[in-house]
Amino acid sequence: MVSSWDMACAVTKAMPFLSFFTLVTVAVVPLAAALYVVTSTTWSAVERVVLYR
C-alpha cells in the first residue's frame, strides 16, 4: 500500500517536469489539426470525383 507521504514525494519529484507536458501538447495539437484538415480535404476531393462521374 502506498502512503500519502510517498505520494507527496512522487508529486514533488514530478513537478519540475510538468511544464514539459505543456510543450508536448503545444507541439502535438497543431499537428493533429493539420492532419485533420488534410484528411478531410482529401476525403472530400475523392468523394466529389467518385460521386460526380
PDB file of N, CA and C in Angstrom:
ATOM      1  N   MET A   1       0.847  -1.179   0.000  1.00  0.00           N
ATOM      2  CA  MET A   1       0.000   0.000   0.000  1.00  0.00           C
ATOM      3  C   MET A   1       0.893   1.242   0.000  1.00  0.00           C
ATOM      4  N   VAL A   2       0.496   2.238  -0.757  1.00  0.00           N
ATOM      5  CA  VAL A   2       1.284   3.461  -0.886  1.00  0.00           C
ATOM      6  C   VAL A   2       0.765   4.481   0.117  1.00  0.00           C
ATOM      7  N   SER A   3       1.690   5.019   0.881  1.00  0.00           N
ATOM      8  CA  SER A   3       1.285   6.000   1.889  1.00  0.00           C
ATOM      9  C   SER A   3       1.150   7.381   1.243  1.00  0.00           C
ATOM     10  N   SER A   4       0.485   8.263   1.948  1.00  0.00           N
ATOM     11  CA  SER A   4       0.309   9.614   1.423  1.00  0.00           C
ATOM     12  C   SER A   4       1.656  10.347   1.361  1.00  0.00           C
ATOM     13  N   TRP A   5       2.580   9.989   2.234  1.00  0.00           N
ATOM     14  CA  TRP A   5       3.916  10.608   2.200  1.00  0.00           C
ATOM     15  C   TRP A   5       4.645  10.223   0.916  1.00  0.00           C
ATOM     16  N   ASP A   6       4.542   8.953   0.524  1.00  0.00           N
ATOM     17  CA  ASP A   6       5.172   8.504  -0.714  1.00  0.00           C
ATOM     18  C   ASP A   6       4.562   9.205  -1.925  1.00  0.00           C
ATOM     19  N   MET A   7       3.252   9.378  -1.887  1.00  0.00           N
ATOM     20  CA  MET A   7       2.581  10.074  -2.989  1.00  0.00           C
ATOM     21  C   MET A   7       3.042  11.524  -3.067  1.00  0.00           C
ATOM     22  N   ALA A   8       3.178  12.179  -1.928  1.00  0.00           N
ATOM     23  CA  ALA A   8       3.630  13.566  -1.898  1.00  0.00           C
ATOM     24  C   ALA A   8       5.051  13.681  -2.444  1.00  0.00           C
ATOM     25  N   CYS A   9       5.885  12.730  -2.102  1.00  0.00           N
ATOM     26  CA  CYS A   9       7.264  12.737  -2.618  1.00  0.00           C
ATOM     27  C   CYS A   9       7.274  12.539  -4.141  1.00  0.00           C
ATOM     28  N   ALA A  10       6.439  11.654  -4.612  1.00  0.00           N
ATOM     29  CA  ALA A  10       6.376  11.406  -6.051  1.00  0.00           C
ATOM     30  C   ALA A  10       5.888  12.639  -6.800  1.00  0.00           C
ATOM     31  N   VAL A  11       4.881  13.299  -6.264  1.00  0.00           N
ATOM     32  CA  VAL A  11       4.357  14.504  -6.906  1.00  0.00           C
ATOM     33  C   VAL A  11       5.411  15.609  -6.891  1.00  0.00           C
ATOM     34  N   THR A  12       6.109  15.736  -5.787  1.00  0.00           N
ATOM     35  CA  THR A  12       7.146  16.756  -5.683  1.00  0.00           C
ATOM     36  C   THR A  12       8.265  16.512  -6.694  1.00  0.00           C
ATOM     37  N   LYS A  13       8.619  15.261  -6.916  1.00  0.00           N
ATOM     38  CA  LYS A  13       9.660  14.944  -7.889  1.00  0.00           C
ATOM     39  C   LYS A  13       9.188  15.198  -9.325  1.00  0.00           C
ATOM     40  N   ALA A  14       7.905  15.039  -9.576  1.00  0.00           N
ATOM     41  CA  ALA A  14       7.370  15.206 -10.930  1.00  0.00           C
ATOM     42  C   ALA A  14       7.080  16.663 -11.290  1.00  0.00           C
ATOM     43  N   MET A  15       6.931  17.520 -10.300  1.00  0.00           N
ATOM     44  CA  MET A  15       6.534  18.904 -10.550  1.00  0.00           C
ATOM     45  C   MET A  15       7.432  19.655 -11.537  1.00  0.00           C
ATOM     46  N   PRO A  16       8.746  19.545 -11.466  1.00  0.00           N
ATOM     47  CA  PRO A  16       9.567  20.310 -12.422  1.00  0.00           C
ATOM     48  C   PRO A  16       9.352  19.915 -13.882  1.00  0.00           C
ATOM     49  N   PHE A  17       8.863  18.718 -14.104  1.00  0.00           N
ATOM     50  CA  PHE A  17       8.691  18.239 -15.470  1.00  0.00           C
ATOM     51  C   PHE A  17       7.310  18.527 -16.042  1.00  0.00           C
ATOM     52  N   LEU A  18       6.391  19.027 -15.247  1.00  0.00           N
ATOM     53  CA  LEU A  18       5.039  19.274 -15.731  1.00  0.00           C
ATOM     54  C   LEU A  18       4.997  20.341 -16.820  1.00  0.00           C
ATOM     55  N   SER A  19       5.906  21.289 -16.783  1.00  0.00           N
ATOM     56  CA  SER A  19       5.923  22.315 -17.826  1.00  0.00           C
ATOM     57  C   SER A  19       6.256  21.713 -19.188  1.00  0.00           C
ATOM     58  N   PHE A  20       6.992  20.609 -19.211  1.00  0.00           N
ATOM     59  CA  PHE A  20       7.308  19.972 -20.483  1.00  0.00           C
ATOM     60  C   PHE A  20       6.087  19.322 -21.115  1.00  0.00           C
ATOM     61  N   PHE A  21       5.120  18.913 -20.304  1.00  0.00           N
ATOM     62  CA  PHE A  21       3.887  18.362 -20.862  1.00  0.00           C
ATOM     63  C   PHE A  21       3.142  19.425 -21.654  1.00  0.00           C
ATOM     64  N   THR A  22       3.230  20.669 -21.226  1.00  0.00           N
ATOM     65  CA  THR A  22       2.633  21.761 -21.980  1.00  0.00           C
ATOM     66  C   THR A  22       3.314  21.902 -23.335  1.00  0.00           C
ATOM     67  N   LEU A  23       4.628  21.790 -23.359  1.00  0.00           N
ATOM     68  CA  LEU A  23       5.356  21.875 -24.620  1.00  0.00           C
ATOM     69  C   LEU A  23       4.976  20.743 -25.571  1.00  0.00           C
ATOM     70  N   VAL A  24       4.808  19.554 -25.024  1.00  0.00           N
ATOM     71  CA  VAL A  24       4.401  18.416 -25.851  1.00  0.00           C
ATOM     72  C   VAL A  24       3.013  18.674 -26.431  1.00  0.00           C
ATOM     73  N   THR A  25       2.115  19.190 -25.613  1.00  0.00           N
ATOM     74  CA  THR A  25       0.757  19.495 -26.087  1.00  0.00           C
ATOM     75  C   THR A  25       0.792  20.559 -27.174  1.00  0.00           C
ATOM     76  N   VAL A  26       1.585  21.592 -26.976  1.00  0.00           N
ATOM     77  CA  VAL A  26       1.687  22.665 -27.962  1.00  0.00           C
ATOM     78  C   VAL A  26       2.271  22.143 -29.270  1.00  0.00           C
ATOM     79  N   ALA A  27       3.109  21.144 -29.201  1.00  0.00           N
ATOM     80  CA  ALA A  27       3.698  20.574 -30.410  1.00  0.00           C
ATOM     81  C   ALA A  27       2.742  19.621 -31.121  1.00  0.00           C
ATOM     82  N   VAL A  28       1.946  18.874 -30.372  1.00  0.00           N
ATOM     83  CA  VAL A  28       1.121  17.812 -30.966  1.00  0.00           C
ATOM     84  C   VAL A  28      -0.222  18.326 -31.486  1.00  0.00           C
ATOM     85  N   VAL A  29      -0.835  19.260 -30.799  1.00  0.00           N
ATOM     86  CA  VAL A  29      -2.178  19.713 -31.189  1.00  0.00           C
ATOM     87  C   VAL A  29      -2.193  20.333 -32.597  1.00  0.00           C
ATOM     88  N   PRO A  30      -1.257  21.205 -32.957  1.00  0.00           N
ATOM     89  CA  PRO A  30      -1.284  21.712 -34.333  1.00  0.00           C
ATOM     90  C   PRO A  30      -1.052  20.622 -35.386  1.00  0.00           C
ATOM     91  N   LEU A  31      -0.237  19.632 -35.057  1.00  0.00           N
ATOM     92  CA  LEU A  31      -0.038  18.528 -35.994  1.00  0.00           C
ATOM     93  C   LEU A  31      -1.328  17.747 -36.183  1.00  0.00           C
ATOM     94  N   ALA A  32      -2.049  17.533 -35.108  1.00  0.00           N
ATOM     95  CA  ALA A  32      -3.325  16.831 -35.196  1.00  0.00           C
ATOM     96  C   ALA A  32      -4.332  17.637 -36.011  1.00  0.00           C
ATOM     97  N   ALA A  33      -4.354  18.940 -35.810  1.00  0.00           N
ATOM     98  CA  ALA A  33      -5.266  19.793 -36.570  1.00  0.00           C
ATOM     99  C   ALA A  33      -4.913  19.777 -38.059  1.00  0.00           C
ATOM    100  N   ALA A  34      -3.637  19.830 -38.368  1.00  0.00           N
ATOM    101  CA  ALA A  34      -3.207  19.779 -39.770  1.00  0.00           C
ATOM    102  C   ALA A  34      -3.562  18.443 -40.404  1.00  0.00           C
ATOM    103  N   LEU A  35      -3.363  17.364 -39.675  1.00  0.00           N
ATOM    104  CA  LEU A  35      -3.724  16.043 -40.184  1.00  0.00           C
ATOM    105  C   LEU A  35      -5.226  15.960 -40.451  1.00  0.00           C
ATOM    106  N   TYR A  36      -6.026  16.539 -39.561  1.00  0.00           N
ATOM    107  CA  TYR A  36      -7.477  16.558 -39.754  1.00  0.00           C
ATOM    108  C   TYR A  36      -7.843  17.325 -41.020  1.00  0.00           C
ATOM    109  N   VAL A  37      -7.251  18.490 -41.223  1.00  0.00           N
ATOM    110  CA  VAL A  37      -7.579  19.304 -42.397  1.00  0.00           C
ATOM    111  C   VAL A  37      -7.175  18.591 -43.679  1.00  0.00           C
ATOM    112  N   VAL A  38      -5.985  18.017 -43.697  1.00  0.00           N
ATOM    113  CA  VAL A  38      -5.519  17.311 -44.900  1.00  0.00           C
ATOM    114  C   VAL A  38      -6.402  16.102 -45.185  1.00  0.00           C
ATOM    115  N   THR A  39      -6.730  15.337 -44.165  1.00  0.00           N
ATOM    116  CA  THR A  39      -7.567  14.150 -44.348  1.00  0.00           C
ATOM    117  C   THR A  39      -8.968  14.529 -44.815  1.00  0.00           C
ATOM    118  N   SER A  40      -9.539  15.538 -44.212  1.00  0.00           N
ATOM    119  CA  SER A  40     -10.882  15.972 -44.574  1.00  0.00           C
ATOM    120  C   SER A  40     -10.928  16.500 -46.007  1.00  0.00           C
ATOM    121  N   THR A  41      -9.931  17.280 -46.374  1.00  0.00           N
ATOM    122  CA  THR A  41      -9.878  17.828 -47.731  1.00  0.00           C
ATOM    123  C   THR A  41      -9.694  16.717 -48.761  1.00  0.00           C
ATOM    124  N   THR A  42      -8.812  15.782 -48.478  1.00  0.00           N
ATOM    125  CA  THR A  42      -8.585  14.663 -49.396  1.00  0.00           C
ATOM    126  C   THR A  42      -9.836  13.815 -49.546  1.00  0.00           C
ATOM    127  N   TRP A  43     -10.490  13.535 -48.435  1.00  0.00           N
ATOM    128  CA  TRP A  43     -11.722  12.737 -48.479  1.00  0.00           C
ATOM    129  C   TRP A  43     -12.785  13.440 -49.317  1.00  0.00           C
ATOM    130  N   SER A  44     -12.947  14.742 -49.115  1.00  0.00           N
ATOM    131  CA  SER A  44     -13.946  15.492 -49.869  1.00  0.00           C
ATOM    132  C   SER A  44     -13.620  15.514 -51.355  1.00  0.00           C
ATOM    133  N   ALA A  45     -12.361  15.692 -51.702  1.00  0.00           N
ATOM    134  CA  ALA A  45     -11.970  15.715 -53.111  1.00  0.00           C
ATOM    135  C   ALA A  45     -12.216  14.364 -53.777  1.00  0.00           C
ATOM    136  N   VAL A  46     -11.840  13.296 -53.106  1.00  0.00           N
ATOM    137  CA  VAL A  46     -12.069  11.956 -53.664  1.00  0.00           C
ATOM    138  C   VAL A  46     -13.564  11.669 -53.761  1.00  0.00           C
ATOM    139  N   GLU A  47     -14.311  12.074 -52.772  1.00  0.00           N
ATOM    140  CA  GLU A  47     -15.760  11.865 -52.781  1.00  0.00           C
ATOM    141  C   GLU A  47     -16.404  12.590 -53.959  1.00  0.00           C
ATOM    142  N   ARG A  48     -15.985  13.813 -54.209  1.00  0.00           N
ATOM    143  CA  ARG A  48     -16.541  14.561 -55.339  1.00  0.00           C
ATOM    144  C   ARG A  48     -16.232  13.874 -56.666  1.00  0.00           C
ATOM    145  N   VAL A  49     -14.998  13.384 -56.799  1.00  0.00           N
ATOM    146  CA  VAL A  49     -14.611  12.714 -58.043  1.00  0.00           C
ATOM    147  C   VAL A  49     -15.445  11.465 -58.247  1.00  0.00           C
ATOM    148  N   VAL A  50     -15.652  10.696 -57.200  1.00  0.00           N
ATOM    149  CA  VAL A  50     -16.393   9.431 -57.313  1.00  0.00           C
ATOM    150  C   VAL A  50     -17.879   9.698 -57.556  1.00  0.00           C
ATOM    151  N   LEU A  51     -18.457  10.664 -56.840  1.00  0.00           N
ATOM    152  CA  LEU A  51     -19.885  10.894 -56.957  1.00  0.00           C
ATOM    153  C   LEU A  51     -20.301  11.612 -58.235  1.00  0.00           C
ATOM    154  N   TYR A  52     -19.433  12.413 -58.805  1.00  0.00           N
ATOM    155  CA  TYR A  52     -19.804  13.189 -59.988  1.00  0.00           C
ATOM    156  C   TYR A  52     -19.257  12.595 -61.270  1.00  0.00           C
ATOM    157  N   ARG A  53     -19.065  11.300 -61.297  1.00  0.00           N
ATOM    158  CA  ARG A  53     -18.638  10.635 -62.536  1.00  0.00           C
ATOM    159  C   ARG A  53     -19.772  10.535 -63.509  1.00  0.00           C
TER     160      ARG A  53
END
